[in-house]
Each structure stands twice: as structure tokens, then as C-alpha cells.
Amino acid sequence: MPYGWGTGGIQLTASVIGESDVLKVIDQGADDTTNAVSIRNFFKRVTGVNTTERTDDATVIQTRHRIPETPLTEDQIIIFQVPIPEPLRFIEPRETETRTMHALEEYGVMQVKLYEDIARFGHIATTYAYPVKVNGRYVMDPSPIPKFDNPKMDMMPALQLFGAGREKRIYAVPRLPAWKVSISTITRSPFSSGMSHAPSADRPTAILMKWCWMTPETACLSAPIPIIAANRARQKTNESTVTFGQ
């Protein structure tokens, strides 16, 4: 494995967690896997925070491969471990080109790739890391969650943070209700969760989510994690409402 692979979730959790937080860790879709137990025990020993296996009790959830079935709330943060944050990488491996494609909204190659699946298999064959479109504008990698978890990201009240440690890249989907969502799709093919052979006619291929921060200099998705951490600490002290994504 490359150096730093799989550390993005841990780095983000360490950046935002506070003394009063309750941590839940999911790895390979479960709380009782070796990595999940080790990460949970690590943060409990280092930070002294309480840990849990119940979604309702957690304020910070670090996850790999799944989104909890229990709906999340505005008081929670979910942190995704992302191995490959660039959704266009397997189509265009050059980082300089993919950044330009994001800046110019040139997603035709992604549409061609998805339509090639339809031509070959009769449906879009991607089963995980299924690309999503944010605010009707930016294509994003949702991390290697199964595509039947993608609808849970739509209009999620919780703050969603994504970390790729090896590539030193972070991005985010802000919590509701401060951001507008426009209806748009990557393709016009109906979205199928993969749980049934019958596609869902009322679910578009692209999942609608909140706008991510984008730096104009690099056209990279990013999130001001130090601001998030500072605001959360200030909120605990002043018991005031904090607006994220300054």
C-alpha cells in the first residue's frame, strides 16, 4: 500500500473532534472490524472522548464503505475516508487536466463512460464510488461507499467531510439549510440502487447535494477544516450557533 493510504479519515477526525464529542467508527461497513476497533480505541486513549456503536449517540462518525441507516442530524459530523478523491482519474490520469475539466465543467468523458456501460451491460455497472453531482455543477467522488448509499447524501442535515490522506486533499458537503440545491443529472439514465433489478424512474443518476468549497486557483474541492474546528470549540464555549463554510 502507498505511504499514507487510508489516513484521511483519521486526520480529519483528529482535526475536528473535541472533548465533549462522542465518536463512532465504521470500517468495512461495521463497528466491530479490526480497523474500526483500533481507531476507536486510539482516539479514546489519546483524546479521552467517549465512544459508541450507536449512531444516535454519536456526534462525530468516521466511516469507510457505508453510511449509517439511521438518518443523521444537524448536530452530527460524518467523516469519509477517501482513497481516490478525483472522480475523473480513471478516465483522465493527468491531475492538471482533471482540474481544468472541473473548472470548465467538461464532464463529457464521464457521460461517455457511463453510457458505454449501458451499451455493454444494459445498465450502469458502477457499484461503488458512484459519481455524484453537487449543486448541479461539480462532479464529486463520494468515497467507496456502495451506490445504494448515495441517496442518503442528498439533503443530509449532517456536515459531510471527505479526507484523502495520501493526496493531502479534503472536501466537504455543508449541512442544511444554508445552501441551495439545483436539480441536475450526470446522465439521463434512471438511477438504480443496485439492490433490485428494477431501476427507480424517479431517482436521477446524479444525487443532489450541497455546494462544496472550490478554490479558484486550483479548482480543487477543499474545506476549511481549521475554521470548522475553531468554530466548534467556540460553540461549546459560548453556546452559540455557528455557521460553517465561511
Protein backbone atom coordinates (compact mmCIF):
# COMPACT_ATOMS: atom_id res chain seq x y z
CA MET A 1 0.00 0.00 0.00
CA PRO A 2 1.28 3.54 -0.73
CA TYR A 3 2.53 5.59 2.21
CA GLY A 4 -0.35 7.44 3.87
CA TRP A 5 -3.08 5.33 2.28
CA GLY A 6 -6.19 5.27 4.45
CA THR A 7 -5.18 8.05 6.84
CA GLY A 8 -7.53 10.76 5.54
CA GLY A 9 -10.38 9.85 7.87
CA ILE A 10 -8.13 9.75 10.92
CA GLN A 11 -6.59 13.12 10.05
CA LEU A 12 -9.99 14.78 9.71
CA THR A 13 -11.32 13.20 12.89
CA ALA A 14 -8.28 14.41 14.80
CA SER A 15 -8.84 17.91 13.36
CA VAL A 16 -12.47 18.38 14.41
CA ILE A 17 -13.03 16.17 17.47
CA GLY A 18 -13.50 17.86 20.85
CA GLU A 19 -13.55 16.74 24.47
CA SER A 20 -17.35 16.63 24.64
CA ASP A 21 -17.78 14.66 21.40
CA VAL A 22 -18.91 11.05 21.19
CA LEU A 23 -17.13 9.08 18.46
CA LYS A 24 -18.45 6.24 16.31
CA VAL A 25 -16.12 4.47 13.84
CA ILE A 26 -17.25 2.34 10.89
CA ASP A 27 -14.76 0.36 8.82
CA GLN A 28 -15.66 -2.11 6.08
CA GLY A 29 -19.25 -1.21 6.92
CA ALA A 30 -19.15 -2.42 10.55
CA ASP A 31 -18.24 -1.26 14.06
CA ASP A 32 -16.55 -4.50 15.14
CA THR A 33 -13.87 -4.88 12.45
CA THR A 34 -10.20 -4.74 13.43
CA ASN A 35 -9.62 -1.27 11.99
CA ALA A 36 -12.81 0.18 13.49
CA VAL A 37 -11.97 -1.11 16.97
CA SER A 38 -8.34 0.05 16.72
CA ILE A 39 -9.25 3.56 15.53
CA ARG A 40 -11.96 3.90 18.17
CA ASN A 41 -9.60 2.80 20.95
CA PHE A 42 -6.85 5.09 19.63
CA PHE A 43 -8.99 8.22 19.87
CA LYS A 44 -10.42 7.15 23.22
CA ARG A 45 -6.92 6.79 24.66
CA VAL A 46 -5.42 9.91 23.04
CA THR A 47 -8.31 12.37 23.39
CA GLY A 48 -10.31 10.86 26.24
CA VAL A 49 -13.60 11.16 24.32
CA ASN A 50 -16.45 8.77 24.81
CA THR A 51 -17.12 6.23 22.06
CA THR A 52 -20.24 4.42 20.94
CA GLU A 53 -21.58 1.95 18.41
CA ARG A 54 -24.97 3.68 18.28
CA THR A 55 -25.48 6.23 15.51
CA ASP A 56 -27.99 8.23 17.56
CA ASP A 57 -25.47 8.77 20.37
CA ALA A 58 -22.54 9.86 18.18
CA THR A 59 -21.60 13.46 17.40
CA VAL A 60 -18.67 12.51 15.12
CA ILE A 61 -18.86 9.47 12.83
CA GLN A 62 -15.79 8.29 10.91
CA THR A 63 -16.69 5.84 8.19
CA ARG A 64 -15.34 3.71 5.38
CA HIS A 65 -17.62 1.93 2.89
CA ARG A 66 -21.02 2.75 4.48
CA ILE A 67 -23.37 5.50 5.56
CA PRO A 68 -25.43 4.56 8.64
CA GLU A 69 -29.02 3.51 8.06
CA THR A 70 -30.17 5.78 10.88
CA PRO A 71 -30.77 9.29 9.49
CA LEU A 72 -28.18 11.79 10.71
CA THR A 73 -28.97 15.16 12.31
CA GLU A 74 -27.63 18.72 12.22
CA ASP A 75 -25.66 18.08 15.41
CA GLN A 76 -23.55 15.35 13.78
CA ILE A 77 -20.50 15.27 11.53
CA ILE A 78 -19.77 12.30 9.27
CA ILE A 79 -16.19 11.87 8.04
CA PHE A 80 -15.47 9.74 4.98
CA GLN A 81 -12.14 8.04 4.30
CA VAL A 82 -11.39 8.56 0.60
CA PRO A 83 -8.64 6.61 -1.19
CA ILE A 84 -9.01 8.34 -4.57
CA PRO A 85 -10.69 11.77 -4.38
CA GLU A 86 -10.62 12.51 -8.12
CA PRO A 87 -13.70 11.01 -9.87
CA LEU A 88 -12.14 11.53 -13.32
CA ARG A 89 -8.82 9.83 -12.58
CA PHE A 90 -9.52 6.53 -14.31
CA ILE A 91 -10.71 8.45 -17.36
CA GLU A 92 -8.02 11.16 -17.38
CA PRO A 93 -4.99 10.35 -15.17
CA ARG A 94 -3.34 13.78 -15.50
CA GLU A 95 -4.17 15.93 -12.48
CA THR A 96 -3.57 19.16 -14.39
CA GLU A 97 -6.18 18.12 -16.93
CA THR A 98 -8.82 17.00 -14.44
CA ARG A 99 -8.58 20.28 -12.53
CA THR A 100 -9.16 22.16 -15.77
CA MET A 101 -12.08 19.87 -16.61
CA HIS A 102 -13.71 20.64 -13.25
CA ALA A 103 -13.16 24.37 -13.71
CA LEU A 104 -14.72 24.33 -17.19
CA GLU A 105 -17.41 21.76 -16.31
CA GLU A 106 -16.17 19.44 -19.03
CA TYR A 107 -17.76 16.18 -17.93
CA GLY A 108 -18.47 14.70 -21.35
CA VAL A 109 -15.95 11.90 -20.82
CA MET A 110 -17.78 10.86 -17.65
CA GLN A 111 -21.07 10.74 -19.54
CA VAL A 112 -19.46 8.65 -22.29
CA LYS A 113 -18.08 6.21 -19.72
CA LEU A 114 -21.48 5.75 -18.10
CA TYR A 115 -23.21 5.35 -21.46
CA GLU A 116 -20.63 2.75 -22.50
CA ASP A 117 -21.76 0.71 -19.51
CA ILE A 118 -25.34 0.97 -20.70
CA ALA A 119 -24.36 -0.10 -24.22
CA ARG A 120 -22.40 -3.12 -22.95
CA PHE A 121 -24.45 -4.28 -19.97
CA GLY A 122 -27.81 -2.59 -20.36
CA HIS A 123 -27.26 -0.58 -17.17
CA ILE A 124 -24.58 1.48 -15.45
CA ALA A 125 -22.26 -1.14 -13.97
CA THR A 126 -20.57 1.04 -11.34
CA THR A 127 -21.47 -0.39 -7.93
CA TYR A 128 -19.40 1.79 -5.59
CA ALA A 129 -17.75 5.22 -5.66
CA TYR A 130 -20.65 6.12 -7.94
CA PRO A 131 -20.06 9.73 -9.08
CA VAL A 132 -22.39 12.41 -7.74
CA LYS A 133 -23.07 15.95 -8.91
CA VAL A 134 -23.03 18.78 -6.40
CA ASN A 135 -25.31 21.81 -6.79
CA GLY A 136 -25.91 20.88 -10.41
CA ARG A 137 -22.33 21.81 -11.21
CA TYR A 138 -19.41 19.80 -9.77
CA VAL A 139 -18.87 16.05 -10.17
CA MET A 140 -17.55 14.55 -6.92
CA ASP A 141 -16.29 11.19 -5.68
CA PRO A 142 -18.47 10.15 -2.71
CA SER A 143 -15.79 7.75 -1.39
CA PRO A 144 -16.04 3.96 -1.99
CA ILE A 145 -19.50 3.62 -0.47
CA PRO A 146 -21.95 1.34 -2.31
CA LYS A 147 -24.12 3.27 -4.71
CA PHE A 148 -27.26 2.35 -2.79
CA ASP A 149 -25.93 4.62 -0.03
CA ASN A 150 -25.66 7.63 -2.37
CA PRO A 151 -29.28 8.79 -1.86
CA LYS A 152 -28.54 9.24 1.86
CA MET A 153 -26.14 12.06 0.95
CA ASP A 154 -28.92 14.06 -0.69
CA MET A 155 -30.01 16.95 1.57
CA MET A 156 -28.31 15.33 4.58
CA PRO A 157 -28.60 17.59 7.66
CA ALA A 158 -25.19 16.49 8.98
CA LEU A 159 -21.92 18.04 7.83
CA GLN A 160 -20.12 15.67 5.43
CA LEU A 161 -16.31 15.80 5.35
CA PHE A 162 -14.11 13.80 2.97
CA GLY A 163 -10.38 13.20 3.50
CA ALA A 164 -7.73 11.65 1.26
CA GLY A 165 -4.61 11.49 3.43
CA ARG A 166 -2.13 10.26 0.84
CA GLU A 167 -3.08 13.07 -1.55
CA LYS A 168 -3.46 15.69 1.18
CA ARG A 169 -6.89 16.65 -0.12
CA ILE A 170 -10.09 17.43 1.76
CA TYR A 171 -13.54 18.44 0.56
CA ALA A 172 -16.97 18.82 2.11
CA VAL A 173 -20.72 18.96 1.63
CA PRO A 174 -22.10 21.58 4.05
CA ARG A 175 -25.08 20.89 6.25
CA LEU A 176 -28.61 22.15 5.66
CA PRO A 177 -30.37 24.55 5.40
CA ALA A 178 -27.95 27.28 4.37
CA TRP A 179 -27.29 26.17 0.78
CA LYS A 180 -29.48 25.96 -2.32
CA VAL A 181 -29.70 22.77 -4.36
CA SER A 182 -30.44 22.80 -8.09
CA ILE A 183 -31.79 19.78 -9.96
CA SER A 184 -29.30 18.33 -12.43
CA THR A 185 -28.05 14.94 -13.60
CA ILE A 186 -24.87 13.38 -14.91
CA THR A 187 -26.80 11.27 -17.38
CA ARG A 188 -30.48 10.87 -18.23
CA SER A 189 -30.40 7.19 -17.40
CA PRO A 190 -32.56 6.28 -14.39
CA PHE A 191 -30.63 5.66 -11.18
CA SER A 192 -30.70 2.11 -9.79
CA SER A 193 -29.50 1.45 -6.26
CA GLY A 194 -28.19 -1.98 -7.16
CA MET A 195 -30.46 -3.59 -4.56
CA SER A 196 -33.06 -4.51 -7.18
CA HIS A 197 -33.07 -5.32 -10.89
CA ALA A 198 -35.81 -2.74 -11.42
CA PRO A 199 -34.43 0.80 -11.84
CA SER A 200 -36.07 3.66 -9.99
CA ALA A 201 -37.64 6.03 -12.50
CA ASP A 202 -37.95 8.89 -10.01
CA ARG A 203 -34.30 8.93 -8.92
CA PRO A 204 -31.81 10.68 -11.25
CA THR A 205 -28.32 9.34 -11.80
CA ALA A 206 -26.74 12.32 -10.07
CA ILE A 207 -27.52 12.74 -6.40
CA LEU A 208 -28.32 16.34 -5.48
CA MET A 209 -26.20 17.75 -2.71
CA LYS A 210 -24.91 21.00 -1.31
CA TRP A 211 -22.18 23.02 -2.95
CA CYS A 212 -18.58 22.19 -1.98
CA TRP A 213 -15.90 24.80 -1.44
CA MET A 214 -13.71 25.24 -4.50
CA THR A 215 -10.50 27.25 -4.65
CA PRO A 216 -10.37 29.25 -7.91
CA GLU A 217 -6.59 28.98 -8.12
CA THR A 218 -6.50 25.20 -8.40
CA ALA A 219 -10.14 24.25 -9.00
CA CYS A 220 -9.71 21.65 -6.23
CA LEU A 221 -12.53 20.83 -3.86
CA SER A 222 -11.48 21.70 -0.33
CA ALA A 223 -12.87 22.53 3.09
CA PRO A 224 -11.59 24.95 5.77
CA ILE A 225 -11.09 22.32 8.47
CA PRO A 226 -9.21 24.67 10.87
CA ILE A 227 -12.20 27.04 10.71
CA ILE A 228 -14.57 24.16 11.39
CA ALA A 229 -12.52 23.04 14.41
CA ALA A 230 -12.23 26.58 15.78
CA ASN A 231 -15.93 27.28 15.35
CA ARG A 232 -16.92 24.03 17.05
CA ALA A 233 -14.69 24.87 20.01
CA ARG A 234 -16.18 28.37 20.17
CA GLN A 235 -19.67 26.92 20.03
CA LYS A 236 -19.00 24.71 23.03
CA THR A 237 -17.73 27.74 24.98
CA ASN A 238 -20.31 30.36 24.02
CA GLU A 239 -23.26 28.02 23.37
CA SER A 240 -23.98 29.99 20.23
CA THR A 241 -24.92 28.92 16.73
CA VAL A 242 -22.01 28.56 14.30
CA THR A 243 -22.19 28.95 10.52
CA PHE A 244 -19.86 26.60 8.68
CA GLY A 245 -18.19 27.21 5.34
CA GLN A 246 -17.01 30.78 5.83
